[in-house]
Amino acid sequence: MASYVRQQAGSIGYVEYAYALQNKMTHTQMKNREGQFVVPNEKSFSAAAANGNWNPEAGFYEILTEEPGKASWPITGATFILMQKVQDKPESAKVALNFFDWAYKNGGKVALALDYIPMPESVVKLVEEEWKRALKDKAGKPVF
């Protein structure tokens, strides 16, 4: 996308924030749901994530487009992991969850250094509570 935009005078495109920053691409403000013009940055992406409707019953699936909030960037995305609710190998699931727990607690600085945004603490708390509630071994014992 970016190479085509660079080749065509006057063209526009949409690439991820990290790519735009790392390649020193020009960017612009966008008008959000609240009618505010916001710039793409840590604050506006975090606002969109914090204002999302993170529903455990829907597997936390959330398209972060046009989230409420005056500071919310209108087109934001999150990365997800998928896990079976009933684990055949609970030891392996525990290792994976321990990694993601560590990443939530320690990975924020790394994410920011790579021009990504850590999930808001309120979302992390919801996710980890759902791990405890929903992820079980075959006997029904919590994995996390």
C-alpha atoms as a PDB file:
ATOM      1  CA  MET A   1       0.000   0.000   0.000  1.00  0.00           C
ATOM      2  CA  ALA A   2       2.625   2.504   1.082  1.00  0.00           C
ATOM      3  CA  SER A   3       4.807   1.997  -1.984  1.00  0.00           C
ATOM      4  CA  TYR A   4       1.838   2.589  -4.303  1.00  0.00           C
ATOM      5  CA  VAL A   5       0.876   5.742  -2.435  1.00  0.00           C
ATOM      6  CA  ARG A   6       4.434   7.044  -2.731  1.00  0.00           C
ATOM      7  CA  GLN A   7       4.422   6.373  -6.489  1.00  0.00           C
ATOM      8  CA  GLN A   8       1.162   8.215  -7.217  1.00  0.00           C
ATOM      9  CA  ALA A   9       1.233  11.981  -6.723  1.00  0.00           C
ATOM     10  CA  GLY A  10      -1.726  13.168  -4.661  1.00  0.00           C
ATOM     11  CA  SER A  11      -2.799   9.696  -3.579  1.00  0.00           C
ATOM     12  CA  ILE A  12      -3.762   8.662  -0.072  1.00  0.00           C
ATOM     13  CA  GLY A  13      -3.769   5.327   1.761  1.00  0.00           C
ATOM     14  CA  TYR A  14      -4.135   3.827   5.192  1.00  0.00           C
ATOM     15  CA  VAL A  15      -1.284   1.905   6.825  1.00  0.00           C
ATOM     16  CA  GLU A  16      -0.651   0.940  10.410  1.00  0.00           C
ATOM     17  CA  TYR A  17       0.698   3.622  12.705  1.00  0.00           C
ATOM     18  CA  ALA A  18       4.017   1.876  13.388  1.00  0.00           C
ATOM     19  CA  TYR A  19       4.717   1.562   9.677  1.00  0.00           C
ATOM     20  CA  ALA A  20       3.850   5.205   9.025  1.00  0.00           C
ATOM     21  CA  LEU A  21       6.118   6.419  11.831  1.00  0.00           C
ATOM     22  CA  GLN A  22       9.026   4.141  11.021  1.00  0.00           C
ATOM     23  CA  ASN A  23       8.898   5.190   7.357  1.00  0.00           C
ATOM     24  CA  LYS A  24       8.430   8.880   8.151  1.00  0.00           C
ATOM     25  CA  MET A  25       5.177   9.051   6.225  1.00  0.00           C
ATOM     26  CA  THR A  26       2.941  12.095   6.295  1.00  0.00           C
ATOM     27  CA  HIS A  27      -0.268  11.595   8.242  1.00  0.00           C
ATOM     28  CA  THR A  28      -3.352  13.620   8.986  1.00  0.00           C
ATOM     29  CA  GLN A  29      -6.091  14.167  11.501  1.00  0.00           C
ATOM     30  CA  MET A  30      -9.399  12.336  11.204  1.00  0.00           C
ATOM     31  CA  LYS A  31     -12.854  13.305  12.363  1.00  0.00           C
ATOM     32  CA  ASN A  32     -14.158  10.857  14.973  1.00  0.00           C
ATOM     33  CA  ARG A  33     -17.653   9.838  16.059  1.00  0.00           C
ATOM     34  CA  GLU A  34     -17.860  12.818  18.422  1.00  0.00           C
ATOM     35  CA  GLY A  35     -17.056  15.246  15.614  1.00  0.00           C
ATOM     36  CA  GLN A  36     -13.570  15.943  16.970  1.00  0.00           C
ATOM     37  CA  PHE A  37     -10.497  15.992  14.760  1.00  0.00           C
ATOM     38  CA  VAL A  38      -7.825  13.806  16.362  1.00  0.00           C
ATOM     39  CA  VAL A  39      -4.290  12.869  15.445  1.00  0.00           C
ATOM     40  CA  PRO A  40      -3.030   9.292  15.366  1.00  0.00           C
ATOM     41  CA  ASN A  41      -1.014   8.759  18.535  1.00  0.00           C
ATOM     42  CA  GLU A  42      -0.799   6.761  21.754  1.00  0.00           C
ATOM     43  CA  LYS A  43      -3.492   8.870  23.423  1.00  0.00           C
ATOM     44  CA  SER A  44      -6.084   8.535  20.641  1.00  0.00           C
ATOM     45  CA  PHE A  45      -5.515   4.782  20.143  1.00  0.00           C
ATOM     46  CA  SER A  46      -5.661   4.174  23.896  1.00  0.00           C
ATOM     47  CA  ALA A  47      -8.880   6.196  24.139  1.00  0.00           C
ATOM     48  CA  ALA A  48     -10.513   4.088  21.436  1.00  0.00           C
ATOM     49  CA  ALA A  49      -9.438   0.851  23.160  1.00  0.00           C
ATOM     50  CA  ALA A  50     -10.577   2.082  26.570  1.00  0.00           C
ATOM     51  CA  ASN A  51     -13.983   3.059  25.165  1.00  0.00           C
ATOM     52  CA  GLY A  52     -14.559  -0.220  23.324  1.00  0.00           C
ATOM     53  CA  ASN A  53     -17.364  -2.586  24.264  1.00  0.00           C
ATOM     54  CA  TRP A  54     -15.217  -5.496  25.423  1.00  0.00           C
ATOM     55  CA  ASN A  55     -17.762  -8.272  25.857  1.00  0.00           C
ATOM     56  CA  PRO A  56     -16.477 -11.583  27.294  1.00  0.00           C
ATOM     57  CA  GLU A  57     -19.540 -13.404  25.894  1.00  0.00           C
ATOM     58  CA  ALA A  58     -18.436 -12.393  22.395  1.00  0.00           C
ATOM     59  CA  GLY A  59     -14.859 -13.533  23.060  1.00  0.00           C
ATOM     60  CA  PHE A  60     -13.787  -9.902  23.457  1.00  0.00           C
ATOM     61  CA  TYR A  61     -14.133  -9.545  19.691  1.00  0.00           C
ATOM     62  CA  GLU A  62     -14.298  -5.819  19.094  1.00  0.00           C
ATOM     63  CA  ILE A  63     -13.750  -3.815  15.947  1.00  0.00           C
ATOM     64  CA  LEU A  64     -12.457  -0.513  17.265  1.00  0.00           C
ATOM     65  CA  THR A  65     -14.085   1.659  14.636  1.00  0.00           C
ATOM     66  CA  GLU A  66     -15.910   4.824  15.634  1.00  0.00           C
ATOM     67  CA  GLU A  67     -15.649   4.166  19.363  1.00  0.00           C
ATOM     68  CA  PRO A  68     -17.124   6.874  21.603  1.00  0.00           C
ATOM     69  CA  GLY A  69     -14.940   9.507  23.217  1.00  0.00           C
ATOM     70  CA  LYS A  70     -13.683  12.906  22.143  1.00  0.00           C
ATOM     71  CA  ALA A  71     -10.078  11.666  22.052  1.00  0.00           C
ATOM     72  CA  SER A  72     -10.743   8.313  20.271  1.00  0.00           C
ATOM     73  CA  TRP A  73      -9.027   7.620  16.964  1.00  0.00           C
ATOM     74  CA  PRO A  74     -11.803   6.443  14.602  1.00  0.00           C
ATOM     75  CA  ILE A  75     -10.016   3.442  13.073  1.00  0.00           C
ATOM     76  CA  THR A  76      -8.114   1.412  15.641  1.00  0.00           C
ATOM     77  CA  GLY A  77      -7.374  -2.317  15.760  1.00  0.00           C
ATOM     78  CA  ALA A  78      -6.416  -4.894  18.357  1.00  0.00           C
ATOM     79  CA  THR A  79      -4.664  -8.238  18.074  1.00  0.00           C
ATOM     80  CA  PHE A  80      -6.292 -11.307  19.561  1.00  0.00           C
ATOM     81  CA  ILE A  81      -5.375 -14.816  20.636  1.00  0.00           C
ATOM     82  CA  LEU A  82      -7.793 -17.733  20.455  1.00  0.00           C
ATOM     83  CA  MET A  83      -7.926 -20.528  23.006  1.00  0.00           C
ATOM     84  CA  GLN A  84     -10.287 -23.454  23.524  1.00  0.00           C
ATOM     85  CA  LYS A  85     -12.473 -23.097  26.608  1.00  0.00           C
ATOM     86  CA  VAL A  86     -11.854 -26.729  27.532  1.00  0.00           C
ATOM     87  CA  GLN A  87      -8.147 -27.511  27.401  1.00  0.00           C
ATOM     88  CA  ASP A  88      -6.875 -30.971  26.433  1.00  0.00           C
ATOM     89  CA  LYS A  89      -3.392 -29.951  27.580  1.00  0.00           C
ATOM     90  CA  PRO A  90      -3.956 -27.612  30.530  1.00  0.00           C
ATOM     91  CA  GLU A  91      -0.236 -27.423  31.293  1.00  0.00           C
ATOM     92  CA  SER A  92       0.424 -25.990  27.840  1.00  0.00           C
ATOM     93  CA  ALA A  93      -2.495 -23.581  28.191  1.00  0.00           C
ATOM     94  CA  LYS A  94      -1.127 -22.401  31.540  1.00  0.00           C
ATOM     95  CA  VAL A  95       2.275 -21.715  29.945  1.00  0.00           C
ATOM     96  CA  ALA A  96       0.619 -19.693  27.158  1.00  0.00           C
ATOM     97  CA  LEU A  97      -1.505 -17.724  29.629  1.00  0.00           C
ATOM     98  CA  ASN A  98       1.517 -17.057  31.825  1.00  0.00           C
ATOM     99  CA  PHE A  99       3.281 -15.614  28.790  1.00  0.00           C
ATOM    100  CA  PHE A 100       0.362 -13.301  27.965  1.00  0.00           C
ATOM    101  CA  ASP A 101       0.040 -12.326  31.627  1.00  0.00           C
ATOM    102  CA  TRP A 102       3.745 -11.442  31.610  1.00  0.00           C
ATOM    103  CA  ALA A 103       3.309  -9.509  28.352  1.00  0.00           C
ATOM    104  CA  TYR A 104       0.396  -7.524  29.777  1.00  0.00           C
ATOM    105  CA  LYS A 105       2.381  -6.688  32.905  1.00  0.00           C
ATOM    106  CA  ASN A 106       5.807  -6.100  31.342  1.00  0.00           C
ATOM    107  CA  GLY A 107       5.361  -5.551  27.623  1.00  0.00           C
ATOM    108  CA  GLY A 108       3.956  -2.027  27.603  1.00  0.00           C
ATOM    109  CA  LYS A 109       7.331  -0.332  27.256  1.00  0.00           C
ATOM    110  CA  VAL A 110       8.342  -2.736  24.499  1.00  0.00           C
ATOM    111  CA  ALA A 111       5.063  -2.144  22.651  1.00  0.00           C
ATOM    112  CA  LEU A 112       5.529   1.614  22.864  1.00  0.00           C
ATOM    113  CA  ALA A 113       9.146   1.333  21.689  1.00  0.00           C
ATOM    114  CA  LEU A 114       7.832  -0.530  18.602  1.00  0.00           C
ATOM    115  CA  ASP A 115       5.146   2.133  18.059  1.00  0.00           C
ATOM    116  CA  TYR A 116       2.306  -0.080  19.273  1.00  0.00           C
ATOM    117  CA  ILE A 117      -0.053   0.658  22.130  1.00  0.00           C
ATOM    118  CA  PRO A 118      -0.552  -1.566  25.173  1.00  0.00           C
ATOM    119  CA  MET A 119      -4.106  -2.521  26.069  1.00  0.00           C
ATOM    120  CA  PRO A 120      -5.646  -0.326  28.756  1.00  0.00           C
ATOM    121  CA  GLU A 121      -5.452  -1.786  32.267  1.00  0.00           C
ATOM    122  CA  SER A 122      -9.252  -1.961  32.454  1.00  0.00           C
ATOM    123  CA  VAL A 123      -9.316  -4.273  29.411  1.00  0.00           C
ATOM    124  CA  VAL A 124      -6.447  -6.400  30.726  1.00  0.00           C
ATOM    125  CA  LYS A 125      -8.335  -6.896  33.974  1.00  0.00           C
ATOM    126  CA  LEU A 126     -11.459  -8.047  32.096  1.00  0.00           C
ATOM    127  CA  VAL A 127      -9.466 -10.463  29.953  1.00  0.00           C
ATOM    128  CA  GLU A 128      -7.602 -12.023  32.873  1.00  0.00           C
ATOM    129  CA  GLU A 129     -10.834 -12.405  34.863  1.00  0.00           C
ATOM    130  CA  GLU A 130     -12.322 -14.234  31.888  1.00  0.00           C
ATOM    131  CA  TRP A 131      -9.303 -16.561  31.704  1.00  0.00           C
ATOM    132  CA  LYS A 132      -9.975 -17.555  35.311  1.00  0.00           C
ATOM    133  CA  ARG A 133     -13.692 -18.007  34.721  1.00  0.00           C
ATOM    134  CA  ALA A 134     -13.858 -19.645  31.302  1.00  0.00           C
ATOM    135  CA  LEU A 135     -10.686 -21.634  30.607  1.00  0.00           C
ATOM    136  CA  LYS A 136     -10.887 -25.083  32.220  1.00  0.00           C
ATOM    137  CA  ASP A 137      -9.287 -28.478  31.996  1.00  0.00           C
ATOM    138  CA  LYS A 138     -11.444 -31.516  31.121  1.00  0.00           C
ATOM    139  CA  ALA A 139     -12.378 -31.940  34.781  1.00  0.00           C
ATOM    140  CA  GLY A 140     -13.675 -28.359  34.986  1.00  0.00           C
ATOM    141  CA  LYS A 141     -10.749 -27.006  37.004  1.00  0.00           C
ATOM    142  CA  PRO A 142      -9.579 -23.480  36.082  1.00  0.00           C
ATOM    143  CA  VAL A 143      -6.380 -23.411  34.030  1.00  0.00           C
ATOM    144  CA  PHE A 144      -5.252 -19.920  35.076  1.00  0.00           C
END
